[in-house]
Amino acid sequence: MGGLLANQLSIAGHSVVVVDHHEAAFGTLTAEFSGCRIHAHAVELATLRAAKVDQADCVLVTTGKDNINLVVAQIARTTFAVPMVITRRHTAHLQRLNLVSWPDFFMGQMTRLRSSHPPAVSPPI
């Protein structure tokens, strides 16, 4: 999913940086991709600084692991003050978590979540 989005955004003229610690993941990028590739772990602050996340208008987090997606989304929002954070969600129950700062969208059900307003649903006890 990340490679497809990166390709489409790059072709549309957006500045795109793809971060992945799996070298093979860059194989999904087409010849039309004009962005930057960073081979590293996205959960590391140094990696996000190298990707210039502090200058981003939007961060898309699309790994195959919900925990990594949420950690990177939280770092982008709270440490780098990225105005729009979109993360992929594989597990529906994560919408119920009471996070410090919510991503703007969870991809999957594409549920819009306001970072300043947690959902009305309380976490299960």
PDB file of N, CA and C in Angstrom:
ATOM      1  N   MET A   1       0.825  -1.185   0.000  1.00  0.00           N
ATOM      2  CA  MET A   1       0.000   0.000   0.000  1.00  0.00           C
ATOM      3  C   MET A   1       0.875   1.257   0.000  1.00  0.00           C
ATOM      4  N   GLY A   2       1.946   1.279   0.790  1.00  0.00           N
ATOM      5  CA  GLY A   2       2.801   2.454   0.882  1.00  0.00           C
ATOM      6  C   GLY A   2       3.454   2.811  -0.437  1.00  0.00           C
ATOM      7  N   GLY A   3       3.949   1.796  -1.148  1.00  0.00           N
ATOM      8  CA  GLY A   3       4.579   2.045  -2.445  1.00  0.00           C
ATOM      9  C   GLY A   3       3.603   2.621  -3.452  1.00  0.00           C
ATOM     10  N   LEU A   4       2.395   2.095  -3.472  1.00  0.00           N
ATOM     11  CA  LEU A   4       1.365   2.596  -4.386  1.00  0.00           C
ATOM     12  C   LEU A   4       1.062   4.067  -4.093  1.00  0.00           C
ATOM     13  N   LEU A   5       0.864   4.394  -2.816  1.00  0.00           N
ATOM     14  CA  LEU A   5       0.587   5.774  -2.437  1.00  0.00           C
ATOM     15  C   LEU A   5       1.772   6.685  -2.755  1.00  0.00           C
ATOM     16  N   ALA A   6       2.982   6.227  -2.450  1.00  0.00           N
ATOM     17  CA  ALA A   6       4.173   7.029  -2.726  1.00  0.00           C
ATOM     18  C   ALA A   6       4.296   7.321  -4.217  1.00  0.00           C
ATOM     19  N   ASN A   7       4.063   6.311  -5.045  1.00  0.00           N
ATOM     20  CA  ASN A   7       4.113   6.507  -6.495  1.00  0.00           C
ATOM     21  C   ASN A   7       3.092   7.538  -6.948  1.00  0.00           C
ATOM     22  N   GLN A   8       1.849   7.381  -6.506  1.00  0.00           N
ATOM     23  CA  GLN A   8       0.783   8.281  -6.936  1.00  0.00           C
ATOM     24  C   GLN A   8       1.031   9.716  -6.481  1.00  0.00           C
ATOM     25  N   LEU A   9       1.475   9.885  -5.228  1.00  0.00           N
ATOM     26  CA  LEU A   9       1.747  11.232  -4.722  1.00  0.00           C
ATOM     27  C   LEU A   9       2.930  11.873  -5.443  1.00  0.00           C
ATOM     28  N   SER A  10       3.956  11.092  -5.728  1.00  0.00           N
ATOM     29  CA  SER A  10       5.119  11.604  -6.443  1.00  0.00           C
ATOM     30  C   SER A  10       4.736  12.032  -7.863  1.00  0.00           C
ATOM     31  N   ILE A  11       3.989  11.201  -8.554  1.00  0.00           N
ATOM     32  CA  ILE A  11       3.547  11.509  -9.917  1.00  0.00           C
ATOM     33  C   ILE A  11       2.674  12.764  -9.931  1.00  0.00           C
ATOM     34  N   ALA A  12       1.908  12.962  -8.851  1.00  0.00           N
ATOM     35  CA  ALA A  12       1.039  14.142  -8.753  1.00  0.00           C
ATOM     36  C   ALA A  12       1.827  15.410  -8.405  1.00  0.00           C
ATOM     37  N   GLY A  13       3.137  15.285  -8.195  1.00  0.00           N
ATOM     38  CA  GLY A  13       3.971  16.451  -7.963  1.00  0.00           C
ATOM     39  C   GLY A  13       4.307  16.748  -6.515  1.00  0.00           C
ATOM     40  N   HIS A  14       3.920  15.861  -5.609  1.00  0.00           N
ATOM     41  CA  HIS A  14       4.244  16.061  -4.194  1.00  0.00           C
ATOM     42  C   HIS A  14       5.667  15.604  -3.896  1.00  0.00           C
ATOM     43  N   SER A  15       6.285  16.214  -2.916  1.00  0.00           N
ATOM     44  CA  SER A  15       7.602  15.795  -2.446  1.00  0.00           C
ATOM     45  C   SER A  15       7.374  14.617  -1.498  1.00  0.00           C
ATOM     46  N   VAL A  16       7.961  13.466  -1.819  1.00  0.00           N
ATOM     47  CA  VAL A  16       7.701  12.231  -1.076  1.00  0.00           C
ATOM     48  C   VAL A  16       9.006  11.617  -0.597  1.00  0.00           C
ATOM     49  N   VAL A  17       9.012  11.186   0.666  1.00  0.00           N
ATOM     50  CA  VAL A  17      10.140  10.446   1.218  1.00  0.00           C
ATOM     51  C   VAL A  17       9.607   9.102   1.696  1.00  0.00           C
ATOM     52  N   VAL A  18      10.194   8.028   1.232  1.00  0.00           N
ATOM     53  CA  VAL A  18       9.804   6.687   1.651  1.00  0.00           C
ATOM     54  C   VAL A  18      10.879   6.166   2.605  1.00  0.00           C
ATOM     55  N   VAL A  19      10.431   5.726   3.795  1.00  0.00           N
ATOM     56  CA  VAL A  19      11.339   5.160   4.794  1.00  0.00           C
ATOM     57  C   VAL A  19      10.945   3.708   5.005  1.00  0.00           C
ATOM     58  N   ASP A  20      11.897   2.811   4.865  1.00  0.00           N
ATOM     59  CA  ASP A  20      11.632   1.394   5.127  1.00  0.00           C
ATOM     60  C   ASP A  20      12.932   0.707   5.474  1.00  0.00           C
ATOM     61  N   HIS A  21      12.873  -0.217   6.424  1.00  0.00           N
ATOM     62  CA  HIS A  21      14.089  -0.949   6.778  1.00  0.00           C
ATOM     63  C   HIS A  21      14.251  -2.215   5.953  1.00  0.00           C
ATOM     64  N   HIS A  22      13.277  -2.522   5.119  1.00  0.00           N
ATOM     65  CA  HIS A  22      13.370  -3.651   4.185  1.00  0.00           C
ATOM     66  C   HIS A  22      13.730  -3.100   2.810  1.00  0.00           C
ATOM     67  N   GLU A  23      14.923  -3.375   2.365  1.00  0.00           N
ATOM     68  CA  GLU A  23      15.382  -2.881   1.058  1.00  0.00           C
ATOM     69  C   GLU A  23      14.435  -3.279  -0.069  1.00  0.00           C
ATOM     70  N   ALA A  24      13.860  -4.477   0.020  1.00  0.00           N
ATOM     71  CA  ALA A  24      12.963  -4.969  -1.024  1.00  0.00           C
ATOM     72  C   ALA A  24      11.717  -4.102  -1.184  1.00  0.00           C
ATOM     73  N   ALA A  25      11.325  -3.382  -0.143  1.00  0.00           N
ATOM     74  CA  ALA A  25      10.124  -2.544  -0.212  1.00  0.00           C
ATOM     75  C   ALA A  25      10.258  -1.446  -1.267  1.00  0.00           C
ATOM     76  N   PHE A  26      11.474  -1.017  -1.538  1.00  0.00           N
ATOM     77  CA  PHE A  26      11.670   0.026  -2.531  1.00  0.00           C
ATOM     78  C   PHE A  26      11.421  -0.482  -3.952  1.00  0.00           C
ATOM     79  N   GLY A  27      11.346  -1.785  -4.101  1.00  0.00           N
ATOM     80  CA  GLY A  27      11.070  -2.380  -5.412  1.00  0.00           C
ATOM     81  C   GLY A  27       9.674  -2.079  -5.919  1.00  0.00           C
ATOM     82  N   THR A  28       8.770  -1.659  -5.037  1.00  0.00           N
ATOM     83  CA  THR A  28       7.406  -1.326  -5.472  1.00  0.00           C
ATOM     84  C   THR A  28       7.326   0.086  -6.055  1.00  0.00           C
ATOM     85  N   LEU A  29       8.389   0.860  -5.911  1.00  0.00           N
ATOM     86  CA  LEU A  29       8.401   2.211  -6.470  1.00  0.00           C
ATOM     87  C   LEU A  29       8.707   2.135  -7.965  1.00  0.00           C
ATOM     88  N   THR A  30       7.945   2.888  -8.745  1.00  0.00           N
ATOM     89  CA  THR A  30       8.103   2.854 -10.197  1.00  0.00           C
ATOM     90  C   THR A  30       9.201   3.817 -10.651  1.00  0.00           C
ATOM     91  N   ALA A  31       9.529   3.753 -11.926  1.00  0.00           N
ATOM     92  CA  ALA A  31      10.532   4.650 -12.504  1.00  0.00           C
ATOM     93  C   ALA A  31      10.079   6.106 -12.428  1.00  0.00           C
ATOM     94  N   GLU A  32       8.773   6.338 -12.348  1.00  0.00           N
ATOM     95  CA  GLU A  32       8.230   7.699 -12.265  1.00  0.00           C
ATOM     96  C   GLU A  32       8.393   8.300 -10.868  1.00  0.00           C
ATOM     97  N   PHE A  33       8.725   7.478  -9.879  1.00  0.00           N
ATOM     98  CA  PHE A  33       8.895   7.978  -8.508  1.00  0.00           C
ATOM     99  C   PHE A  33      10.109   8.892  -8.460  1.00  0.00           C
ATOM    100  N   SER A  34       9.890  10.139  -8.067  1.00  0.00           N
ATOM    101  CA  SER A  34      10.986  11.109  -8.044  1.00  0.00           C
ATOM    102  C   SER A  34      11.389  11.501  -6.622  1.00  0.00           C
ATOM    103  N   GLY A  35      10.854  10.782  -5.641  1.00  0.00           N
ATOM    104  CA  GLY A  35      11.131  11.120  -4.249  1.00  0.00           C
ATOM    105  C   GLY A  35      12.420  10.522  -3.732  1.00  0.00           C
ATOM    106  N   CYS A  36      12.557  10.602  -2.440  1.00  0.00           N
ATOM    107  CA  CYS A  36      13.751  10.129  -1.738  1.00  0.00           C
ATOM    108  C   CYS A  36      13.455   8.792  -1.053  1.00  0.00           C
ATOM    109  N   ARG A  37      14.454   7.930  -1.002  1.00  0.00           N
ATOM    110  CA  ARG A  37      14.349   6.643  -0.320  1.00  0.00           C
ATOM    111  C   ARG A  37      15.329   6.640   0.855  1.00  0.00           C
ATOM    112  N   ILE A  38      14.834   6.244   2.027  1.00  0.00           N
ATOM    113  CA  ILE A  38      15.705   6.124   3.200  1.00  0.00           C
ATOM    114  C   ILE A  38      15.578   4.708   3.736  1.00  0.00           C
ATOM    115  N   HIS A  39      16.695   3.980   3.726  1.00  0.00           N
ATOM    116  CA  HIS A  39      16.721   2.601   4.200  1.00  0.00           C
ATOM    117  C   HIS A  39      17.076   2.618   5.682  1.00  0.00           C
ATOM    118  N   ALA A  40      16.027   2.612   6.547  1.00  0.00           N
ATOM    119  CA  ALA A  40      16.233   2.695   7.992  1.00  0.00           C
ATOM    120  C   ALA A  40      14.917   2.392   8.701  1.00  0.00           C
ATOM    121  N   HIS A  41      14.962   2.311  10.027  1.00  0.00           N
ATOM    122  CA  HIS A  41      13.761   2.088  10.831  1.00  0.00           C
ATOM    123  C   HIS A  41      13.061   3.421  11.105  1.00  0.00           C
ATOM    124  N   ALA A  42      11.781   3.498  10.783  1.00  0.00           N
ATOM    125  CA  ALA A  42      11.018   4.743  10.936  1.00  0.00           C
ATOM    126  C   ALA A  42      10.740   5.106  12.389  1.00  0.00           C
ATOM    127  N   VAL A  43      10.883   4.169  13.314  1.00  0.00           N
ATOM    128  CA  VAL A  43      10.616   4.484  14.718  1.00  0.00           C
ATOM    129  C   VAL A  43      11.782   5.221  15.376  1.00  0.00           C
ATOM    130  N   GLU A  44      12.884   5.376  14.679  1.00  0.00           N
ATOM    131  CA  GLU A  44      14.044   6.062  15.232  1.00  0.00           C
ATOM    132  C   GLU A  44      13.977   7.554  14.914  1.00  0.00           C
ATOM    133  N   LEU A  45      14.182   8.373  15.928  1.00  0.00           N
ATOM    134  CA  LEU A  45      14.117   9.823  15.746  1.00  0.00           C
ATOM    135  C   LEU A  45      15.110  10.311  14.693  1.00  0.00           C
ATOM    136  N   ALA A  46      16.295   9.754  14.680  1.00  0.00           N
ATOM    137  CA  ALA A  46      17.305  10.175  13.701  1.00  0.00           C
ATOM    138  C   ALA A  46      16.822   9.921  12.277  1.00  0.00           C
ATOM    139  N   THR A  47      16.129   8.818  12.073  1.00  0.00           N
ATOM    140  CA  THR A  47      15.590   8.505  10.754  1.00  0.00           C
ATOM    141  C   THR A  47      14.530   9.523  10.354  1.00  0.00           C
ATOM    142  N   LEU A  48      13.634   9.840  11.278  1.00  0.00           N
ATOM    143  CA  LEU A  48      12.575  10.804  10.975  1.00  0.00           C
ATOM    144  C   LEU A  48      13.154  12.200  10.748  1.00  0.00           C
ATOM    145  N   ARG A  49      14.217  12.532  11.462  1.00  0.00           N
ATOM    146  CA  ARG A  49      14.887  13.817  11.211  1.00  0.00           C
ATOM    147  C   ARG A  49      15.513  13.829   9.814  1.00  0.00           C
ATOM    148  N   ALA A  50      16.158  12.728   9.436  1.00  0.00           N
ATOM    149  CA  ALA A  50      16.760  12.628   8.102  1.00  0.00           C
ATOM    150  C   ALA A  50      15.696  12.726   7.005  1.00  0.00           C
ATOM    151  N   ALA A  51      14.494  12.235   7.304  1.00  0.00           N
ATOM    152  CA  ALA A  51      13.386  12.301   6.349  1.00  0.00           C
ATOM    153  C   ALA A  51      12.725  13.680   6.347  1.00  0.00           C
ATOM    154  N   LYS A  52      13.194  14.571   7.219  1.00  0.00           N
ATOM    155  CA  LYS A  52      12.675  15.938   7.344  1.00  0.00           C
ATOM    156  C   LYS A  52      11.188  15.957   7.690  1.00  0.00           C
ATOM    157  N   VAL A  53      10.795  15.066   8.591  1.00  0.00           N
ATOM    158  CA  VAL A  53       9.405  14.984   9.021  1.00  0.00           C
ATOM    159  C   VAL A  53       8.950  16.309   9.635  1.00  0.00           C
ATOM    160  N   ASP A  54       9.869  17.028  10.242  1.00  0.00           N
ATOM    161  CA  ASP A  54       9.514  18.319  10.847  1.00  0.00           C
ATOM    162  C   ASP A  54       9.049  19.342   9.810  1.00  0.00           C
ATOM    163  N   GLN A  55       9.325  19.100   8.534  1.00  0.00           N
ATOM    164  CA  GLN A  55       8.906  19.988   7.455  1.00  0.00           C
ATOM    165  C   GLN A  55       7.693  19.453   6.693  1.00  0.00           C
ATOM    166  N   ALA A  56       7.188  18.289   7.090  1.00  0.00           N
ATOM    167  CA  ALA A  56       6.105  17.635   6.350  1.00  0.00           C
ATOM    168  C   ALA A  56       4.750  18.269   6.628  1.00  0.00           C
ATOM    169  N   ASP A  57       3.933  18.337   5.588  1.00  0.00           N
ATOM    170  CA  ASP A  57       2.532  18.741   5.730  1.00  0.00           C
ATOM    171  C   ASP A  57       1.683  17.546   6.141  1.00  0.00           C
ATOM    172  N   CYS A  58       2.146  16.355   5.765  1.00  0.00           N
ATOM    173  CA  CYS A  58       1.392  15.126   6.030  1.00  0.00           C
ATOM    174  C   CYS A  58       2.369  13.966   6.146  1.00  0.00           C
ATOM    175  N   VAL A  59       2.067  13.038   7.045  1.00  0.00           N
ATOM    176  CA  VAL A  59       2.830  11.798   7.170  1.00  0.00           C
ATOM    177  C   VAL A  59       1.859  10.642   7.011  1.00  0.00           C
ATOM    178  N   LEU A  60       2.207   9.719   6.108  1.00  0.00           N
ATOM    179  CA  LEU A  60       1.457   8.479   5.916  1.00  0.00           C
ATOM    180  C   LEU A  60       2.284   7.350   6.501  1.00  0.00           C
ATOM    181  N   VAL A  61       1.686   6.555   7.384  1.00  0.00           N
ATOM    182  CA  VAL A  61       2.401   5.438   8.006  1.00  0.00           C
ATOM    183  C   VAL A  61       1.673   4.168   7.597  1.00  0.00           C
ATOM    184  N   THR A  62       2.333   3.327   6.791  1.00  0.00           N
ATOM    185  CA  THR A  62       1.627   2.193   6.180  1.00  0.00           C
ATOM    186  C   THR A  62       2.352   0.865   6.333  1.00  0.00           C
ATOM    187  N   THR A  63       3.020   0.648   7.458  1.00  0.00           N
ATOM    188  CA  THR A  63       3.689  -0.641   7.645  1.00  0.00           C
ATOM    189  C   THR A  63       2.639  -1.733   7.839  1.00  0.00           C
ATOM    190  N   GLY A  64       3.077  -2.945   7.902  1.00  0.00           N
ATOM    191  CA  GLY A  64       2.173  -4.063   8.132  1.00  0.00           C
ATOM    192  C   GLY A  64       1.905  -4.330   9.603  1.00  0.00           C
ATOM    193  N   LYS A  65       2.435  -3.473  10.476  1.00  0.00           N
ATOM    194  CA  LYS A  65       2.284  -3.700  11.922  1.00  0.00           C
ATOM    195  C   LYS A  65       1.646  -2.489  12.587  1.00  0.00           C
ATOM    196  N   ASP A  66       0.495  -2.712  13.221  1.00  0.00           N
ATOM    197  CA  ASP A  66      -0.243  -1.622  13.864  1.00  0.00           C
ATOM    198  C   ASP A  66       0.570  -0.898  14.919  1.00  0.00           C
ATOM    199  N   ASN A  67       1.318  -1.632  15.741  1.00  0.00           N
ATOM    200  CA  ASN A  67       2.080  -0.990  16.813  1.00  0.00           C
ATOM    201  C   ASN A  67       3.116  -0.020  16.259  1.00  0.00           C
ATOM    202  N   ILE A  68       3.810  -0.428  15.222  1.00  0.00           N
ATOM    203  CA  ILE A  68       4.794   0.460  14.598  1.00  0.00           C
ATOM    204  C   ILE A  68       4.090   1.667  13.997  1.00  0.00           C
ATOM    205  N   ASN A  69       2.978   1.436  13.312  1.00  0.00           N
ATOM    206  CA  ASN A  69       2.231   2.536  12.705  1.00  0.00           C
ATOM    207  C   ASN A  69       1.821   3.570  13.745  1.00  0.00           C
ATOM    208  N   LEU A  70       1.307   3.093  14.874  1.00  0.00           N
ATOM    209  CA  LEU A  70       0.846   4.022  15.901  1.00  0.00           C
ATOM    210  C   LEU A  70       2.000   4.760  16.571  1.00  0.00           C
ATOM    211  N   VAL A  71       3.122   4.081  16.794  1.00  0.00           N
ATOM    212  CA  VAL A  71       4.279   4.740  17.401  1.00  0.00           C
ATOM    213  C   VAL A  71       4.806   5.833  16.470  1.00  0.00           C
ATOM    214  N   VAL A  72       4.971   5.516  15.205  1.00  0.00           N
ATOM    215  CA  VAL A  72       5.478   6.510  14.259  1.00  0.00           C
ATOM    216  C   VAL A  72       4.487   7.665  14.120  1.00  0.00           C
ATOM    217  N   ALA A  73       3.191   7.353  14.097  1.00  0.00           N
ATOM    218  CA  ALA A  73       2.172   8.407  14.022  1.00  0.00           C
ATOM    219  C   ALA A  73       2.247   9.324  15.239  1.00  0.00           C
ATOM    220  N   GLN A  74       2.409   8.742  16.419  1.00  0.00           N
ATOM    221  CA  GLN A  74       2.512   9.532  17.645  1.00  0.00           C
ATOM    222  C   GLN A  74       3.753  10.430  17.627  1.00  0.00           C
ATOM    223  N   ILE A  75       4.870   9.882  17.173  1.00  0.00           N
ATOM    224  CA  ILE A  75       6.102  10.666  17.101  1.00  0.00           C
ATOM    225  C   ILE A  75       5.932  11.820  16.104  1.00  0.00           C
ATOM    226  N   ALA A  76       5.344  11.516  14.949  1.00  0.00           N
ATOM    227  CA  ALA A  76       5.137  12.563  13.942  1.00  0.00           C
ATOM    228  C   ALA A  76       4.270  13.681  14.494  1.00  0.00           C
ATOM    229  N   ARG A  77       3.221  13.318  15.222  1.00  0.00           N
ATOM    230  CA  ARG A  77       2.279  14.313  15.746  1.00  0.00           C
ATOM    231  C   ARG A  77       2.875  15.085  16.926  1.00  0.00           C
ATOM    232  N   THR A  78       3.418  14.374  17.903  1.00  0.00           N
ATOM    233  CA  THR A  78       3.809  15.032  19.151  1.00  0.00           C
ATOM    234  C   THR A  78       5.219  15.617  19.134  1.00  0.00           C
ATOM    235  N   THR A  79       6.156  14.928  18.497  1.00  0.00           N
ATOM    236  CA  THR A  79       7.540  15.401  18.483  1.00  0.00           C
ATOM    237  C   THR A  79       7.796  16.381  17.345  1.00  0.00           C
ATOM    238  N   PHE A  80       7.206  16.095  16.183  1.00  0.00           N
ATOM    239  CA  PHE A  80       7.477  16.914  15.000  1.00  0.00           C
ATOM    240  C   PHE A  80       6.313  17.824  14.603  1.00  0.00           C
ATOM    241  N   ALA A  81       5.201  17.759  15.329  1.00  0.00           N
ATOM    242  CA  ALA A  81       4.035  18.632  15.094  1.00  0.00           C
ATOM    243  C   ALA A  81       3.542  18.604  13.648  1.00  0.00           C
ATOM    244  N   VAL A  82       3.504  17.415  13.063  1.00  0.00           N
ATOM    245  CA  VAL A  82       2.998  17.277  11.702  1.00  0.00           C
ATOM    246  C   VAL A  82       1.484  17.516  11.731  1.00  0.00           C
ATOM    247  N   PRO A  83       0.981  18.413  10.887  1.00  0.00           N
ATOM    248  CA  PRO A  83      -0.437  18.764  10.956  1.00  0.00           C
ATOM    249  C   PRO A  83      -1.414  17.661  10.531  1.00  0.00           C
ATOM    250  N   MET A  84      -1.003  16.757   9.646  1.00  0.00           N
ATOM    251  CA  MET A  84      -1.888  15.681   9.195  1.00  0.00           C
ATOM    252  C   MET A  84      -1.123  14.374   9.270  1.00  0.00           C
ATOM    253  N   VAL A  85      -1.670  13.413  10.017  1.00  0.00           N
ATOM    254  CA  VAL A  85      -1.047  12.095  10.149  1.00  0.00           C
ATOM    255  C   VAL A  85      -2.087  11.055   9.762  1.00  0.00           C
ATOM    256  N   ILE A  86      -1.708  10.180   8.834  1.00  0.00           N
ATOM    257  CA  ILE A  86      -2.589   9.114   8.373  1.00  0.00           C
ATOM    258  C   ILE A  86      -1.858   7.806   8.587  1.00  0.00           C
ATOM    259  N   THR A  87      -2.520   6.858   9.232  1.00  0.00           N
ATOM    260  CA  THR A  87      -1.859   5.583   9.506  1.00  0.00           C
ATOM    261  C   THR A  87      -2.738   4.413   9.101  1.00  0.00           C
ATOM    262  N   ARG A  88      -2.088   3.362   8.682  1.00  0.00           N
ATOM    263  CA  ARG A  88      -2.787   2.135   8.319  1.00  0.00           C
ATOM    264  C   ARG A  88      -3.113   1.376   9.588  1.00  0.00           C
ATOM    265  N   ARG A  89      -4.313   0.815   9.637  1.00  0.00           N
ATOM    266  CA  ARG A  89      -4.745   0.040  10.795  1.00  0.00           C
ATOM    267  C   ARG A  89      -5.210  -1.329  10.312  1.00  0.00           C
ATOM    268  N   HIS A  90      -4.685  -2.373  10.923  1.00  0.00           N
ATOM    269  CA  HIS A  90      -5.085  -3.729  10.584  1.00  0.00           C
ATOM    270  C   HIS A  90      -6.099  -4.272  11.577  1.00  0.00           C
ATOM    271  N   THR A  91      -6.069  -3.788  12.803  1.00  0.00           N
ATOM    272  CA  THR A  91      -6.916  -4.306  13.875  1.00  0.00           C
ATOM    273  C   THR A  91      -7.944  -3.256  14.269  1.00  0.00           C
ATOM    274  N   ALA A  92      -9.230  -3.588  14.119  1.00  0.00           N
ATOM    275  CA  ALA A  92     -10.305  -2.629  14.358  1.00  0.00           C
ATOM    276  C   ALA A  92     -10.347  -2.111  15.793  1.00  0.00           C
ATOM    277  N   HIS A  93      -9.995  -2.929  16.776  1.00  0.00           N
ATOM    278  CA  HIS A  93     -10.115  -2.496  18.175  1.00  0.00           C
ATOM    279  C   HIS A  93      -9.178  -1.334  18.522  1.00  0.00           C
ATOM    280  N   LEU A  94      -8.176  -1.048  17.695  1.00  0.00           N
ATOM    281  CA  LEU A  94      -7.258   0.050  17.990  1.00  0.00           C
ATOM    282  C   LEU A  94      -7.949   1.406  17.969  1.00  0.00           C
ATOM    283  N   GLN A  95      -9.099   1.496  17.325  1.00  0.00           N
ATOM    284  CA  GLN A  95      -9.840   2.755  17.318  1.00  0.00           C
ATOM    285  C   GLN A  95     -10.284   3.120  18.727  1.00  0.00           C
ATOM    286  N   ARG A  96     -10.387   2.148  19.610  1.00  0.00           N
ATOM    287  CA  ARG A  96     -10.864   2.396  20.970  1.00  0.00           C
ATOM    288  C   ARG A  96      -9.766   2.846  21.920  1.00  0.00           C
ATOM    289  N   LEU A  97      -8.520   2.747  21.510  1.00  0.00           N
ATOM    290  CA  LEU A  97      -7.427   3.118  22.406  1.00  0.00           C
ATOM    291  C   LEU A  97      -7.481   4.608  22.726  1.00  0.00           C
ATOM    292  N   ASN A  98      -7.171   4.940  23.942  1.00  0.00           N
ATOM    293  CA  ASN A  98      -7.127   6.337  24.358  1.00  0.00           C
ATOM    294  C   ASN A  98      -5.693   6.834  24.227  1.00  0.00           C
ATOM    295  N   LEU A  99      -5.334   7.258  23.024  1.00  0.00           N
ATOM    296  CA  LEU A  99      -3.978   7.717  22.757  1.00  0.00           C
ATOM    297  C   LEU A  99      -3.842   9.194  23.111  1.00  0.00           C
ATOM    298  N   VAL A 100      -2.614   9.616  23.353  1.00  0.00           N
ATOM    299  CA  VAL A 100      -2.346  11.017  23.650  1.00  0.00           C
ATOM    300  C   VAL A 100      -2.759  11.893  22.472  1.00  0.00           C
ATOM    301  N   SER A 101      -2.459  11.458  21.288  1.00  0.00           N
ATOM    302  CA  SER A 101      -2.758  12.238  20.090  1.00  0.00           C
ATOM    303  C   SER A 101      -3.092  11.272  18.959  1.00  0.00           C
ATOM    304  N   TRP A 102      -4.295  11.347  18.478  1.00  0.00           N
ATOM    305  CA  TRP A 102      -4.767  10.412  17.454  1.00  0.00           C
ATOM    306  C   TRP A 102      -4.261  10.785  16.075  1.00  0.00           C
ATOM    307  N   PRO A 103      -4.021   9.783  15.230  1.00  0.00           N
ATOM    308  CA  PRO A 103      -3.805  10.094  13.817  1.00  0.00           C
ATOM    309  C   PRO A 103      -5.089  10.711  13.258  1.00  0.00           C
ATOM    310  N   ASP A 104      -4.972  11.464  12.185  1.00  0.00           N
ATOM    311  CA  ASP A 104      -6.150  12.075  11.579  1.00  0.00           C
ATOM    312  C   ASP A 104      -7.032  11.040  10.893  1.00  0.00           C
ATOM    313  N   PHE A 105      -6.423  10.051  10.290  1.00  0.00           N
ATOM    314  CA  PHE A 105      -7.171   8.979   9.634  1.00  0.00           C
ATOM    315  C   PHE A 105      -6.530   7.647   9.968  1.00  0.00           C
ATOM    316  N   PHE A 106      -7.366   6.635  10.102  1.00  0.00           N
ATOM    317  CA  PHE A 106      -6.895   5.255  10.106  1.00  0.00           C
ATOM    318  C   PHE A 106      -7.280   4.689   8.747  1.00  0.00           C
ATOM    319  N   MET A 107      -6.307   4.225   7.974  1.00  0.00           N
ATOM    320  CA  MET A 107      -6.640   3.549   6.728  1.00  0.00           C
ATOM    321  C   MET A 107      -7.089   2.142   7.078  1.00  0.00           C
ATOM    322  N   GLY A 108      -8.029   1.679   6.413  1.00  0.00           N
ATOM    323  CA  GLY A 108      -8.660   0.396   6.668  1.00  0.00           C
ATOM    324  C   GLY A 108     -10.138   0.667   6.545  1.00  0.00           C
ATOM    325  N   GLN A 109     -10.704   1.224   7.599  1.00  0.00           N
ATOM    326  CA  GLN A 109     -12.082   1.677   7.537  1.00  0.00           C
ATOM    327  C   GLN A 109     -12.146   3.156   7.167  1.00  0.00           C
ATOM    328  N   MET A 110     -10.979   3.809   7.050  1.00  0.00           N
ATOM    329  CA  MET A 110     -10.883   5.226   6.728  1.00  0.00           C
ATOM    330  C   MET A 110     -11.751   6.069   7.651  1.00  0.00           C
ATOM    331  N   THR A 111     -11.654   5.806   8.917  1.00  0.00           N
ATOM    332  CA  THR A 111     -12.402   6.531   9.932  1.00  0.00           C
ATOM    333  C   THR A 111     -11.691   7.846  10.236  1.00  0.00           C
ATOM    334  N   ARG A 112     -12.415   8.951  10.115  1.00  0.00           N
ATOM    335  CA  ARG A 112     -11.829  10.262  10.420  1.00  0.00           C
ATOM    336  C   ARG A 112     -11.800  10.443  11.928  1.00  0.00           C
ATOM    337  N   LEU A 113     -10.633  10.735  12.442  1.00  0.00           N
ATOM    338  CA  LEU A 113     -10.478  10.967  13.876  1.00  0.00           C
ATOM    339  C   LEU A 113      -9.819  12.314  14.079  1.00  0.00           C
ATOM    340  N   ARG A 114     -10.378  13.137  14.906  1.00  0.00           N
ATOM    341  CA  ARG A 114      -9.803  14.441  15.225  1.00  0.00           C
ATOM    342  C   ARG A 114      -8.785  14.263  16.335  1.00  0.00           C
ATOM    343  N   SER A 115      -7.596  14.781  16.159  1.00  0.00           N
ATOM    344  CA  SER A 115      -6.556  14.601  17.167  1.00  0.00           C
ATOM    345  C   SER A 115      -6.917  15.275  18.480  1.00  0.00           C
ATOM    346  N   SER A 116      -7.750  16.306  18.447  1.00  0.00           N
ATOM    347  CA  SER A 116      -8.108  16.993  19.677  1.00  0.00           C
ATOM    348  C   SER A 116      -9.334  16.402  20.358  1.00  0.00           C
ATOM    349  N   HIS A 117      -9.986  15.450  19.700  1.00  0.00           N
ATOM    350  CA  HIS A 117     -11.198  14.849  20.263  1.00  0.00           C
ATOM    351  C   HIS A 117     -11.135  13.335  20.168  1.00  0.00           C
ATOM    352  N   PRO A 118     -10.817  12.633  21.241  1.00  0.00           N
ATOM    353  CA  PRO A 118     -10.820  11.173  21.172  1.00  0.00           C
ATOM    354  C   PRO A 118     -12.228  10.663  20.896  1.00  0.00           C
ATOM    355  N   PRO A 119     -12.363   9.450  20.374  1.00  0.00           N
ATOM    356  CA  PRO A 119     -13.684   8.927  20.054  1.00  0.00           C
ATOM    357  C   PRO A 119     -14.534   8.772  21.299  1.00  0.00           C
ATOM    358  N   ALA A 120     -15.836   8.760  21.085  1.00  0.00           N
ATOM    359  CA  ALA A 120     -16.785   8.649  22.212  1.00  0.00           C
ATOM    360  C   ALA A 120     -16.774   7.260  22.824  1.00  0.00           C
ATOM    361  N   VAL A 121     -16.264   6.275  22.107  1.00  0.00           N
ATOM    362  CA  VAL A 121     -16.246   4.900  22.595  1.00  0.00           C
ATOM    363  C   VAL A 121     -15.145   4.753  23.644  1.00  0.00           C
ATOM    364  N   SER A 122     -15.482   4.240  24.786  1.00  0.00           N
ATOM    365  CA  SER A 122     -14.495   4.011  25.839  1.00  0.00           C
ATOM    366  C   SER A 122     -13.795   2.682  25.624  1.00  0.00           C
ATOM    367  N   PRO A 123     -12.545   2.589  26.036  1.00  0.00           N
ATOM    368  CA  PRO A 123     -11.850   1.301  25.925  1.00  0.00           C
ATOM    369  C   PRO A 123     -12.519   0.252  26.794  1.00  0.00           C
ATOM    370  N   PRO A 124     -12.494  -1.013  26.368  1.00  0.00           N
ATOM    371  CA  PRO A 124     -13.089  -2.064  27.187  1.00  0.00           C
ATOM    372  C   PRO A 124     -12.342  -2.200  28.498  1.00  0.00           C
ATOM    373  N   ILE A 125     -13.060  -2.591  29.544  1.00  0.00           N
ATOM    374  CA  ILE A 125     -12.457  -2.742  30.877  1.00  0.00           C
ATOM    375  C   ILE A 125     -12.114  -4.189  31.114  1.00  0.00           C
TER     376      ILE A 125
END
